Amino acid sequence: MELTNLSVRSFLEELASESAAPGGGSVAALGGALGAALAAMVARLTVGKEKYRDEWEGMERLRDEADALRIRFLDLLSQDANSFNAFMEAMKLPKDTEDQKAKRSKAMQEALLHAARIPLETVRALGEMARLAREAVARGNRNAVTDAGTAALLARAAALAAAYNVRANLLALKDQDVAARLRRELEDALAVTLATADEVLPLVEEKLV
């Protein structure tokens, strides 16, 4: 089942089911896709409006970046769910002999590492989405400023959610050097994303008075 082909209703039913995937990581990626779609919408509502002629070129670029980012988030959504399923499959491997135990442990560790890297990539992509939201608020159609602001809010919440998933998967990773490196990468990426998103909110507030 390809999650990104489901209707909104069907996706929510799958999310609410007893299956552990899709879960928070996929929802974080979905939040990114929604935010990117909003940024693209603001750009399209700006291009062609005579009042914003000076912004057309920049908004066309923003539109294209946001459209590409939306597709990227959808891929991350699917990857996140698939990575969890891969870990569950690794857990089901036989463990009767020492050789089987070693192979099972190796497969589980590889799956955990992959499962940590995907939401880390989501956090990084959310930083890009927050940047687009900031530009959309600053230069886009003023009538759509709340839509761009919503994109920034989604970036902030989704980044924190994705970070939870990175940290959770790293807890069981045996290679502590790799875990420490990924934690540092997460800290850096999350700081950028949150700082960028937080810059947007005052800009929105200024345009609502």
N, C-alpha and C. Protein backbone atom coordinates (compact mmCIF):
# COMPACT_ATOMS: atom_id res chain seq x y z
N MET A 1 0.84 -1.20 0.00
CA MET A 1 0.00 0.00 0.00
C MET A 1 0.88 1.25 0.00
N GLU A 2 0.68 2.10 -0.99
CA GLU A 2 1.43 3.35 -1.07
C GLU A 2 0.66 4.44 -0.33
N LEU A 3 1.20 4.88 0.77
CA LEU A 3 0.49 5.84 1.63
C LEU A 3 0.14 7.13 0.90
N THR A 4 1.03 7.58 0.02
CA THR A 4 0.81 8.88 -0.63
C THR A 4 -0.29 8.82 -1.68
N ASN A 5 -0.77 7.62 -1.99
CA ASN A 5 -1.87 7.51 -2.95
C ASN A 5 -3.23 7.44 -2.26
N LEU A 6 -3.23 7.39 -0.94
CA LEU A 6 -4.49 7.30 -0.19
C LEU A 6 -5.21 8.64 -0.16
N SER A 7 -6.53 8.58 -0.04
CA SER A 7 -7.29 9.81 0.20
C SER A 7 -6.99 10.30 1.61
N VAL A 8 -7.35 11.54 1.88
CA VAL A 8 -7.14 12.08 3.23
C VAL A 8 -7.84 11.20 4.25
N ARG A 9 -9.07 10.83 3.97
CA ARG A 9 -9.84 10.01 4.92
C ARG A 9 -9.17 8.65 5.14
N SER A 10 -8.75 8.02 4.05
CA SER A 10 -8.13 6.69 4.17
C SER A 10 -6.79 6.76 4.91
N PHE A 11 -6.03 7.82 4.64
CA PHE A 11 -4.75 7.97 5.35
C PHE A 11 -4.99 8.13 6.85
N LEU A 12 -5.97 8.93 7.21
CA LEU A 12 -6.25 9.13 8.64
C LEU A 12 -6.74 7.85 9.29
N GLU A 13 -7.51 7.06 8.56
CA GLU A 13 -7.97 5.78 9.11
C GLU A 13 -6.79 4.84 9.32
N GLU A 14 -5.86 4.83 8.38
CA GLU A 14 -4.66 4.01 8.52
C GLU A 14 -3.81 4.50 9.70
N LEU A 15 -3.72 5.81 9.83
CA LEU A 15 -2.95 6.41 10.92
C LEU A 15 -3.55 6.05 12.28
N ALA A 16 -4.87 6.00 12.34
CA ALA A 16 -5.56 5.73 13.60
C ALA A 16 -5.67 4.24 13.92
N SER A 17 -5.24 3.40 12.99
CA SER A 17 -5.36 1.96 13.18
C SER A 17 -4.34 1.45 14.19
N GLU A 18 -4.41 0.15 14.49
CA GLU A 18 -3.48 -0.46 15.45
C GLU A 18 -2.09 -0.64 14.86
N SER A 19 -1.94 -0.44 13.58
CA SER A 19 -0.61 -0.52 12.96
C SER A 19 0.25 0.64 13.44
N ALA A 20 1.50 0.35 13.79
CA ALA A 20 2.39 1.40 14.31
C ALA A 20 2.97 2.30 13.23
N ALA A 21 2.78 1.91 11.98
CA ALA A 21 3.25 2.74 10.86
C ALA A 21 2.12 2.86 9.84
N PRO A 22 1.83 4.07 9.37
CA PRO A 22 2.56 5.31 9.60
C PRO A 22 2.37 5.83 11.02
N GLY A 23 3.36 6.60 11.46
CA GLY A 23 3.30 7.19 12.79
C GLY A 23 3.77 8.63 12.77
N GLY A 24 4.38 9.04 13.86
CA GLY A 24 4.77 10.44 14.00
C GLY A 24 5.75 10.93 12.96
N GLY A 25 6.68 10.06 12.54
CA GLY A 25 7.65 10.48 11.54
C GLY A 25 7.01 10.78 10.20
N SER A 26 6.06 9.93 9.81
CA SER A 26 5.35 10.16 8.56
C SER A 26 4.48 11.41 8.65
N VAL A 27 3.87 11.62 9.81
CA VAL A 27 3.04 12.81 10.00
C VAL A 27 3.90 14.07 9.94
N ALA A 28 5.11 14.01 10.47
CA ALA A 28 6.02 15.16 10.39
C ALA A 28 6.32 15.49 8.93
N ALA A 29 6.58 14.46 8.13
CA ALA A 29 6.84 14.68 6.71
C ALA A 29 5.60 15.21 6.00
N LEU A 30 4.44 14.72 6.40
CA LEU A 30 3.20 15.23 5.82
C LEU A 30 3.02 16.70 6.15
N GLY A 31 3.35 17.08 7.38
CA GLY A 31 3.29 18.49 7.76
C GLY A 31 4.17 19.34 6.86
N GLY A 32 5.35 18.80 6.53
CA GLY A 32 6.23 19.51 5.61
C GLY A 32 5.62 19.66 4.23
N ALA A 33 4.99 18.59 3.75
CA ALA A 33 4.34 18.64 2.44
C ALA A 33 3.22 19.66 2.42
N LEU A 34 2.45 19.71 3.50
CA LEU A 34 1.36 20.68 3.58
C LEU A 34 1.90 22.11 3.59
N GLY A 35 2.96 22.33 4.34
CA GLY A 35 3.56 23.66 4.39
C GLY A 35 4.13 24.07 3.05
N ALA A 36 4.79 23.14 2.36
CA ALA A 36 5.34 23.44 1.04
C ALA A 36 4.23 23.77 0.06
N ALA A 37 3.11 23.05 0.17
CA ALA A 37 1.97 23.33 -0.70
C ALA A 37 1.41 24.73 -0.44
N LEU A 38 1.36 25.12 0.81
CA LEU A 38 0.89 26.47 1.14
C LEU A 38 1.82 27.54 0.59
N ALA A 39 3.12 27.31 0.71
CA ALA A 39 4.08 28.28 0.17
C ALA A 39 3.93 28.41 -1.34
N ALA A 40 3.73 27.27 -2.01
CA ALA A 40 3.54 27.30 -3.46
C ALA A 40 2.25 28.04 -3.83
N MET A 41 1.21 27.85 -3.02
CA MET A 41 -0.05 28.54 -3.27
C MET A 41 0.13 30.05 -3.17
N VAL A 42 0.84 30.49 -2.14
CA VAL A 42 1.08 31.93 -1.98
C VAL A 42 1.83 32.48 -3.19
N ALA A 43 2.81 31.74 -3.66
CA ALA A 43 3.56 32.18 -4.83
C ALA A 43 2.66 32.31 -6.05
N ARG A 44 1.79 31.34 -6.24
CA ARG A 44 0.88 31.37 -7.40
C ARG A 44 -0.14 32.50 -7.27
N LEU A 45 -0.50 32.84 -6.06
CA LEU A 45 -1.43 33.96 -5.85
C LEU A 45 -0.74 35.31 -6.00
N THR A 46 0.57 35.29 -6.11
CA THR A 46 1.35 36.53 -6.27
C THR A 46 1.69 36.78 -7.73
N VAL A 47 2.15 35.73 -8.41
CA VAL A 47 2.52 35.85 -9.83
C VAL A 47 1.28 36.20 -10.66
N GLY A 48 1.42 37.20 -11.49
CA GLY A 48 0.30 37.63 -12.34
C GLY A 48 -0.48 38.80 -11.78
N LYS A 49 -0.28 39.08 -10.50
CA LYS A 49 -0.94 40.24 -9.90
C LYS A 49 -0.06 41.48 -10.15
N GLU A 50 -0.64 42.46 -10.83
CA GLU A 50 0.13 43.64 -11.24
C GLU A 50 0.77 44.34 -10.05
N LYS A 51 0.08 44.33 -8.93
CA LYS A 51 0.57 44.99 -7.73
C LYS A 51 1.92 44.42 -7.28
N TYR A 52 2.16 43.15 -7.62
CA TYR A 52 3.37 42.47 -7.17
C TYR A 52 4.32 42.15 -8.33
N ARG A 53 4.24 42.94 -9.40
CA ARG A 53 5.03 42.64 -10.59
C ARG A 53 6.52 42.47 -10.27
N ASP A 54 7.04 43.29 -9.40
CA ASP A 54 8.47 43.21 -9.07
C ASP A 54 8.84 41.90 -8.38
N GLU A 55 7.84 41.20 -7.88
CA GLU A 55 8.10 39.95 -7.15
C GLU A 55 7.85 38.71 -8.00
N TRP A 56 7.37 38.88 -9.22
CA TRP A 56 6.99 37.72 -10.02
C TRP A 56 8.13 36.72 -10.19
N GLU A 57 9.28 37.21 -10.57
CA GLU A 57 10.41 36.31 -10.83
C GLU A 57 10.78 35.52 -9.57
N GLY A 58 10.86 36.22 -8.45
CA GLY A 58 11.19 35.54 -7.20
C GLY A 58 10.13 34.55 -6.78
N MET A 59 8.87 34.91 -7.00
CA MET A 59 7.78 34.02 -6.63
C MET A 59 7.69 32.81 -7.55
N GLU A 60 8.07 32.97 -8.80
CA GLU A 60 8.11 31.81 -9.71
C GLU A 60 9.17 30.81 -9.24
N ARG A 61 10.31 31.34 -8.82
CA ARG A 61 11.35 30.46 -8.28
C ARG A 61 10.88 29.79 -7.00
N LEU A 62 10.25 30.57 -6.13
CA LEU A 62 9.73 30.01 -4.88
C LEU A 62 8.71 28.92 -5.16
N ARG A 63 7.83 29.17 -6.12
CA ARG A 63 6.81 28.18 -6.50
C ARG A 63 7.45 26.86 -6.91
N ASP A 64 8.46 26.95 -7.76
CA ASP A 64 9.12 25.74 -8.26
C ASP A 64 9.85 25.00 -7.13
N GLU A 65 10.51 25.76 -6.26
CA GLU A 65 11.20 25.14 -5.12
C GLU A 65 10.20 24.46 -4.19
N ALA A 66 9.08 25.12 -3.94
CA ALA A 66 8.08 24.57 -3.04
C ALA A 66 7.43 23.32 -3.63
N ASP A 67 7.18 23.33 -4.93
CA ASP A 67 6.60 22.15 -5.58
C ASP A 67 7.54 20.96 -5.47
N ALA A 68 8.84 21.20 -5.70
CA ALA A 68 9.83 20.12 -5.60
C ALA A 68 9.95 19.63 -4.16
N LEU A 69 9.87 20.55 -3.22
CA LEU A 69 9.98 20.20 -1.81
C LEU A 69 8.78 19.37 -1.37
N ARG A 70 7.62 19.69 -1.89
CA ARG A 70 6.42 18.92 -1.55
C ARG A 70 6.58 17.46 -1.95
N ILE A 71 7.11 17.23 -3.14
CA ILE A 71 7.35 15.87 -3.61
C ILE A 71 8.38 15.17 -2.73
N ARG A 72 9.39 15.91 -2.34
CA ARG A 72 10.43 15.35 -1.46
C ARG A 72 9.85 14.92 -0.13
N PHE A 73 8.97 15.73 0.44
CA PHE A 73 8.34 15.37 1.71
C PHE A 73 7.47 14.12 1.57
N LEU A 74 6.77 14.00 0.47
CA LEU A 74 5.93 12.82 0.27
C LEU A 74 6.79 11.56 0.21
N ASP A 75 7.96 11.68 -0.41
CA ASP A 75 8.88 10.54 -0.45
C ASP A 75 9.37 10.21 0.96
N LEU A 76 9.67 11.23 1.75
CA LEU A 76 10.11 11.00 3.13
C LEU A 76 9.00 10.37 3.96
N LEU A 77 7.76 10.75 3.69
CA LEU A 77 6.61 10.16 4.39
C LEU A 77 6.60 8.65 4.18
N SER A 78 6.73 8.24 2.92
CA SER A 78 6.72 6.81 2.61
C SER A 78 7.95 6.11 3.19
N GLN A 79 9.10 6.75 3.05
CA GLN A 79 10.34 6.14 3.56
C GLN A 79 10.28 5.93 5.06
N ASP A 80 9.68 6.87 5.77
CA ASP A 80 9.62 6.75 7.22
C ASP A 80 8.81 5.53 7.62
N ALA A 81 7.65 5.35 7.00
CA ALA A 81 6.82 4.19 7.32
C ALA A 81 7.53 2.90 6.91
N ASN A 82 8.17 2.90 5.76
CA ASN A 82 8.86 1.70 5.28
C ASN A 82 10.04 1.34 6.18
N SER A 83 10.72 2.34 6.71
CA SER A 83 11.87 2.06 7.57
C SER A 83 11.44 1.39 8.87
N PHE A 84 10.30 1.81 9.39
CA PHE A 84 9.78 1.16 10.60
C PHE A 84 9.42 -0.29 10.29
N ASN A 85 8.77 -0.50 9.16
CA ASN A 85 8.38 -1.86 8.79
C ASN A 85 9.62 -2.74 8.59
N ALA A 86 10.70 -2.16 8.06
CA ALA A 86 11.93 -2.91 7.87
C ALA A 86 12.52 -3.34 9.21
N PHE A 87 12.43 -2.45 10.20
CA PHE A 87 12.92 -2.80 11.53
C PHE A 87 12.10 -3.93 12.13
N MET A 88 10.78 -3.86 11.95
CA MET A 88 9.92 -4.91 12.48
C MET A 88 10.21 -6.25 11.81
N GLU A 89 10.50 -6.22 10.52
CA GLU A 89 10.84 -7.45 9.81
C GLU A 89 12.16 -8.01 10.33
N ALA A 90 13.10 -7.12 10.62
CA ALA A 90 14.39 -7.58 11.17
C ALA A 90 14.20 -8.25 12.52
N MET A 91 13.29 -7.74 13.31
CA MET A 91 13.03 -8.32 14.63
C MET A 91 12.46 -9.74 14.53
N LYS A 92 11.79 -10.02 13.41
CA LYS A 92 11.17 -11.33 13.22
C LYS A 92 12.15 -12.39 12.74
N LEU A 93 13.37 -11.99 12.42
CA LEU A 93 14.35 -12.96 11.94
C LEU A 93 14.65 -14.01 13.01
N PRO A 94 14.97 -15.23 12.58
CA PRO A 94 15.23 -16.30 13.56
C PRO A 94 16.44 -15.97 14.44
N LYS A 95 16.40 -16.50 15.65
CA LYS A 95 17.48 -16.24 16.61
C LYS A 95 17.79 -17.49 17.45
N ASP A 96 17.73 -18.62 16.77
CA ASP A 96 17.96 -19.88 17.47
C ASP A 96 19.45 -20.19 17.64
N THR A 97 20.25 -19.79 16.66
CA THR A 97 21.69 -20.06 16.73
C THR A 97 22.45 -18.74 16.91
N GLU A 98 23.71 -18.86 17.26
CA GLU A 98 24.53 -17.65 17.43
C GLU A 98 24.66 -16.89 16.11
N ASP A 99 24.78 -17.64 15.02
CA ASP A 99 24.89 -17.00 13.71
C ASP A 99 23.61 -16.24 13.37
N GLN A 100 22.47 -16.86 13.66
CA GLN A 100 21.18 -16.20 13.41
C GLN A 100 21.02 -14.96 14.29
N LYS A 101 21.44 -15.07 15.51
CA LYS A 101 21.36 -13.92 16.42
C LYS A 101 22.20 -12.76 15.90
N ALA A 102 23.39 -13.08 15.41
CA ALA A 102 24.28 -12.03 14.90
C ALA A 102 23.68 -11.36 13.67
N LYS A 103 23.13 -12.18 12.77
CA LYS A 103 22.52 -11.63 11.56
C LYS A 103 21.29 -10.78 11.91
N ARG A 104 20.52 -11.25 12.86
CA ARG A 104 19.33 -10.49 13.29
C ARG A 104 19.73 -9.16 13.91
N SER A 105 20.73 -9.19 14.78
CA SER A 105 21.19 -7.96 15.42
C SER A 105 21.73 -6.97 14.39
N LYS A 106 22.48 -7.47 13.43
CA LYS A 106 23.03 -6.61 12.39
C LYS A 106 21.92 -5.97 11.57
N ALA A 107 20.92 -6.76 11.21
CA ALA A 107 19.80 -6.25 10.42
C ALA A 107 19.01 -5.20 11.21
N MET A 108 18.83 -5.44 12.49
CA MET A 108 18.11 -4.49 13.33
C MET A 108 18.87 -3.17 13.46
N GLN A 109 20.18 -3.25 13.63
CA GLN A 109 20.99 -2.04 13.76
C GLN A 109 21.00 -1.23 12.47
N GLU A 110 21.08 -1.92 11.35
CA GLU A 110 21.04 -1.24 10.06
C GLU A 110 19.69 -0.56 9.86
N ALA A 111 18.62 -1.24 10.25
CA ALA A 111 17.28 -0.67 10.11
C ALA A 111 17.10 0.54 11.03
N LEU A 112 17.64 0.45 12.23
CA LEU A 112 17.55 1.58 13.17
C LEU A 112 18.28 2.81 12.63
N LEU A 113 19.46 2.57 12.08
CA LEU A 113 20.24 3.69 11.54
C LEU A 113 19.49 4.35 10.40
N HIS A 114 18.93 3.54 9.53
CA HIS A 114 18.15 4.09 8.41
C HIS A 114 16.93 4.85 8.92
N ALA A 115 16.29 4.28 9.94
CA ALA A 115 15.09 4.90 10.51
C ALA A 115 15.41 6.22 11.20
N ALA A 116 16.64 6.39 11.66
CA ALA A 116 17.04 7.66 12.28
C ALA A 116 17.39 8.70 11.22
N ARG A 117 17.99 8.25 10.14
CA ARG A 117 18.43 9.20 9.12
C ARG A 117 17.26 9.84 8.36
N ILE A 118 16.17 9.12 8.21
CA ILE A 118 15.05 9.67 7.44
C ILE A 118 14.42 10.88 8.13
N PRO A 119 14.02 10.80 9.40
CA PRO A 119 13.48 12.01 10.03
C PRO A 119 14.51 13.12 10.18
N LEU A 120 15.80 12.78 10.24
CA LEU A 120 16.83 13.82 10.24
C LEU A 120 16.78 14.58 8.91
N GLU A 121 16.61 13.86 7.83
CA GLU A 121 16.47 14.51 6.53
C GLU A 121 15.19 15.35 6.48
N THR A 122 14.15 14.88 7.16
CA THR A 122 12.91 15.66 7.24
C THR A 122 13.15 16.99 7.95
N VAL A 123 13.90 16.96 9.04
CA VAL A 123 14.21 18.21 9.76
C VAL A 123 14.96 19.17 8.85
N ARG A 124 15.92 18.66 8.10
CA ARG A 124 16.68 19.52 7.18
C ARG A 124 15.76 20.12 6.11
N ALA A 125 14.90 19.29 5.56
CA ALA A 125 13.98 19.77 4.52
C ALA A 125 13.01 20.80 5.08
N LEU A 126 12.64 20.64 6.34
CA LEU A 126 11.74 21.60 6.98
C LEU A 126 12.41 22.95 7.14
N GLY A 127 13.73 22.96 7.29
CA GLY A 127 14.45 24.23 7.31
C GLY A 127 14.31 24.95 5.99
N GLU A 128 14.36 24.20 4.90
CA GLU A 128 14.16 24.80 3.58
C GLU A 128 12.73 25.32 3.44
N MET A 129 11.78 24.54 3.94
CA MET A 129 10.39 24.96 3.86
C MET A 129 10.13 26.22 4.67
N ALA A 130 10.74 26.31 5.84
CA ALA A 130 10.59 27.51 6.67
C ALA A 130 11.16 28.73 5.97
N ARG A 131 12.26 28.53 5.26
CA ARG A 131 12.87 29.63 4.50
C ARG A 131 11.92 30.12 3.41
N LEU A 132 11.27 29.20 2.73
CA LEU A 132 10.31 29.58 1.70
C LEU A 132 9.11 30.30 2.31
N ALA A 133 8.68 29.83 3.47
CA ALA A 133 7.56 30.49 4.15
C ALA A 133 7.93 31.92 4.52
N ARG A 134 9.15 32.10 4.99
CA ARG A 134 9.61 33.45 5.35
C ARG A 134 9.59 34.37 4.13
N GLU A 135 10.06 33.86 3.02
CA GLU A 135 10.07 34.67 1.80
C GLU A 135 8.65 34.96 1.31
N ALA A 136 7.78 33.97 1.44
CA ALA A 136 6.40 34.15 1.01
C ALA A 136 5.69 35.22 1.85
N VAL A 137 5.98 35.24 3.14
CA VAL A 137 5.40 36.26 4.01
C VAL A 137 5.94 37.64 3.65
N ALA A 138 7.23 37.72 3.43
CA ALA A 138 7.88 39.01 3.20
C ALA A 138 7.55 39.60 1.84
N ARG A 139 7.41 38.74 0.82
CA ARG A 139 7.32 39.24 -0.55
C ARG A 139 6.07 38.81 -1.29
N GLY A 140 5.31 37.91 -0.71
CA GLY A 140 4.15 37.37 -1.41
C GLY A 140 2.90 38.20 -1.24
N ASN A 141 1.84 37.74 -1.86
CA ASN A 141 0.53 38.38 -1.80
C ASN A 141 0.10 38.55 -0.34
N ARG A 142 -0.12 39.79 0.03
CA ARG A 142 -0.44 40.08 1.44
C ARG A 142 -1.74 39.40 1.88
N ASN A 143 -2.64 39.19 0.94
CA ASN A 143 -3.91 38.55 1.29
C ASN A 143 -3.73 37.08 1.69
N ALA A 144 -2.56 36.53 1.39
CA ALA A 144 -2.30 35.12 1.72
C ALA A 144 -1.23 35.00 2.81
N VAL A 145 -1.01 36.08 3.54
CA VAL A 145 0.07 36.06 4.54
C VAL A 145 -0.17 35.02 5.62
N THR A 146 -1.43 34.78 5.98
CA THR A 146 -1.70 33.79 7.02
C THR A 146 -1.42 32.38 6.53
N ASP A 147 -1.55 32.16 5.23
CA ASP A 147 -1.23 30.84 4.68
C ASP A 147 0.27 30.58 4.76
N ALA A 148 1.06 31.59 4.44
CA ALA A 148 2.51 31.46 4.57
C ALA A 148 2.90 31.31 6.03
N GLY A 149 2.20 32.03 6.91
CA GLY A 149 2.47 31.89 8.34
C GLY A 149 2.14 30.50 8.85
N THR A 150 1.06 29.92 8.32
CA THR A 150 0.71 28.55 8.69
C THR A 150 1.80 27.58 8.26
N ALA A 151 2.40 27.82 7.11
CA ALA A 151 3.51 26.98 6.65
C ALA A 151 4.67 27.02 7.64
N ALA A 152 4.96 28.21 8.17
CA ALA A 152 6.04 28.33 9.16
C ALA A 152 5.70 27.59 10.45
N LEU A 153 4.46 27.70 10.88
CA LEU A 153 4.04 26.98 12.09
C LEU A 153 4.15 25.48 11.89
N LEU A 154 3.76 25.01 10.71
CA LEU A 154 3.88 23.59 10.40
C LEU A 154 5.34 23.15 10.41
N ALA A 155 6.21 24.00 9.87
CA ALA A 155 7.64 23.67 9.85
C ALA A 155 8.16 23.50 11.27
N ARG A 156 7.74 24.38 12.16
CA ARG A 156 8.22 24.32 13.54
C ARG A 156 7.75 23.06 14.24
N ALA A 157 6.45 22.79 14.17
CA ALA A 157 5.89 21.62 14.85
C ALA A 157 6.42 20.33 14.25
N ALA A 158 6.48 20.27 12.93
CA ALA A 158 6.94 19.06 12.26
C ALA A 158 8.41 18.78 12.55
N ALA A 159 9.21 19.83 12.66
CA ALA A 159 10.64 19.64 12.96
C ALA A 159 10.83 19.04 14.35
N LEU A 160 10.08 19.54 15.31
CA LEU A 160 10.16 18.99 16.67
C LEU A 160 9.71 17.54 16.69
N ALA A 161 8.65 17.23 15.93
CA ALA A 161 8.15 15.86 15.87
C ALA A 161 9.16 14.93 15.22
N ALA A 162 9.74 15.37 14.11
CA ALA A 162 10.74 14.54 13.43
C ALA A 162 11.96 14.33 14.32
N ALA A 163 12.33 15.36 15.07
CA ALA A 163 13.48 15.25 15.97
C ALA A 163 13.24 14.19 17.05
N TYR A 164 12.02 14.11 17.54
CA TYR A 164 11.69 13.05 18.50
C TYR A 164 12.01 11.68 17.92
N ASN A 165 11.64 11.49 16.65
CA ASN A 165 11.84 10.20 16.01
C ASN A 165 13.32 9.88 15.81
N VAL A 166 14.10 10.89 15.47
CA VAL A 166 15.55 10.67 15.35
C VAL A 166 16.10 10.21 16.69
N ARG A 167 15.78 10.94 17.73
CA ARG A 167 16.32 10.64 19.06
C ARG A 167 15.89 9.27 19.54
N ALA A 168 14.64 8.91 19.29
CA ALA A 168 14.13 7.61 19.74
C ALA A 168 14.87 6.46 19.06
N ASN A 169 15.12 6.60 17.78
CA ASN A 169 15.82 5.53 17.05
C ASN A 169 17.29 5.44 17.45
N LEU A 170 17.89 6.56 17.81
CA LEU A 170 19.30 6.54 18.19
C LEU A 170 19.52 5.92 19.56
N LEU A 171 18.49 5.88 20.38
CA LEU A 171 18.64 5.31 21.73
C LEU A 171 19.10 3.86 21.69
N ALA A 172 18.62 3.12 20.69
CA ALA A 172 18.95 1.69 20.63
C ALA A 172 20.12 1.39 19.69
N LEU A 173 20.73 2.43 19.15
CA LEU A 173 21.86 2.23 18.24
C LEU A 173 23.11 1.90 19.05
N LYS A 174 23.76 0.80 18.71
CA LYS A 174 24.93 0.36 19.47
C LYS A 174 26.18 1.16 19.15
N ASP A 175 26.29 1.63 17.93
CA ASP A 175 27.47 2.41 17.53
C ASP A 175 27.32 3.83 18.10
N GLN A 176 27.91 4.05 19.25
CA GLN A 176 27.75 5.32 19.94
C GLN A 176 28.41 6.49 19.22
N ASP A 177 29.46 6.21 18.46
CA ASP A 177 30.11 7.28 17.70
C ASP A 177 29.17 7.81 16.61
N VAL A 178 28.53 6.89 15.91
CA VAL A 178 27.57 7.28 14.88
C VAL A 178 26.38 7.99 15.52
N ALA A 179 25.90 7.45 16.63
CA ALA A 179 24.76 8.06 17.32
C ALA A 179 25.09 9.49 17.75
N ALA A 180 26.28 9.69 18.28
CA ALA A 180 26.69 11.03 18.73
C ALA A 180 26.79 11.99 17.55
N ARG A 181 27.31 11.50 16.43
CA ARG A 181 27.43 12.36 15.25
C ARG A 181 26.05 12.77 14.73
N LEU A 182 25.13 11.82 14.69
CA LEU A 182 23.79 12.13 14.21
C LEU A 182 23.05 13.05 15.16
N ARG A 183 23.30 12.91 16.45
CA ARG A 183 22.68 13.83 17.41
C ARG A 183 23.18 15.26 17.19
N ARG A 184 24.46 15.39 16.91
CA ARG A 184 25.01 16.73 16.63
C ARG A 184 24.40 17.30 15.35
N GLU A 185 24.28 16.46 14.33
CA GLU A 185 23.68 16.91 13.08
C GLU A 185 22.23 17.32 13.30
N LEU A 186 21.53 16.55 14.13
CA LEU A 186 20.14 16.88 14.43
C LEU A 186 20.05 18.22 15.15
N GLU A 187 20.91 18.40 16.14
CA GLU A 187 20.90 19.65 16.91
C GLU A 187 21.10 20.86 16.00
N ASP A 188 22.04 20.74 15.07
CA ASP A 188 22.32 21.85 14.15
C ASP A 188 21.15 22.10 13.21
N ALA A 189 20.61 21.03 12.63
CA ALA A 189 19.51 21.16 11.67
C ALA A 189 18.26 21.70 12.35
N LEU A 190 17.98 21.21 13.56
CA LEU A 190 16.79 21.66 14.28
C LEU A 190 16.91 23.12 14.65
N ALA A 191 18.09 23.55 15.06
CA ALA A 191 18.29 24.95 15.44
C ALA A 191 18.02 25.87 14.25
N VAL A 192 18.50 25.48 13.09
CA VAL A 192 18.28 26.30 11.88
C VAL A 192 16.79 26.37 11.55
N THR A 193 16.13 25.23 11.57
CA THR A 193 14.71 25.19 11.22
C THR A 193 13.87 26.01 12.18
N LEU A 194 14.09 25.83 13.47
CA LEU A 194 13.29 26.56 14.47
C LEU A 194 13.57 28.05 14.41
N ALA A 195 14.82 28.42 14.24
CA ALA A 195 15.16 29.85 14.17
C ALA A 195 14.51 30.50 12.96
N THR A 196 14.53 29.81 11.83
CA THR A 196 13.93 30.37 10.62
C THR A 196 12.43 30.48 10.77
N ALA A 197 11.79 29.44 11.29
CA ALA A 197 10.34 29.48 11.49
C ALA A 197 9.96 30.59 12.46
N ASP A 198 10.74 30.76 13.50
CA ASP A 198 10.43 31.79 14.50
C ASP A 198 10.59 33.20 13.96
N GLU A 199 11.40 33.37 12.92
CA GLU A 199 11.53 34.68 12.29
C GLU A 199 10.26 35.06 11.54
N VAL A 200 9.51 34.07 11.11
CA VAL A 200 8.34 34.32 10.27
C VAL A 200 7.18 34.88 11.08
N LEU A 201 6.98 34.36 12.27
CA LEU A 201 5.77 34.69 13.03
C LEU A 201 5.62 36.18 13.32
N PRO A 202 6.66 36.90 13.74
CA PRO A 202 6.51 38.34 13.94
C PRO A 202 6.18 39.08 12.64
N LEU A 203 6.69 38.58 11.51
CA LEU A 203 6.39 39.20 10.22
C LEU A 203 4.91 39.08 9.89
N VAL A 204 4.35 37.92 10.22
CA VAL A 204 2.91 37.72 10.00
C VAL A 204 2.11 38.66 10.89
N GLU A 205 2.50 38.72 12.16
CA GLU A 205 1.78 39.57 13.11
C GLU A 205 1.77 41.03 12.66
N GLU A 206 2.89 41.49 12.11
CA GLU A 206 2.98 42.88 11.65
C GLU A 206 1.97 43.19 10.56
N LYS A 207 1.66 42.17 9.75
CA LYS A 207 0.76 42.39 8.63
C LYS A 207 -0.70 42.15 8.98
N LEU A 208 -0.95 41.82 10.23
CA LEU A 208 -2.33 41.57 10.66
C LEU A 208 -2.87 42.69 11.54
N VAL A 209 -2.16 43.82 11.57
CA VAL A 209 -2.63 44.97 12.37
C VAL A 209 -2.82 46.17 11.46
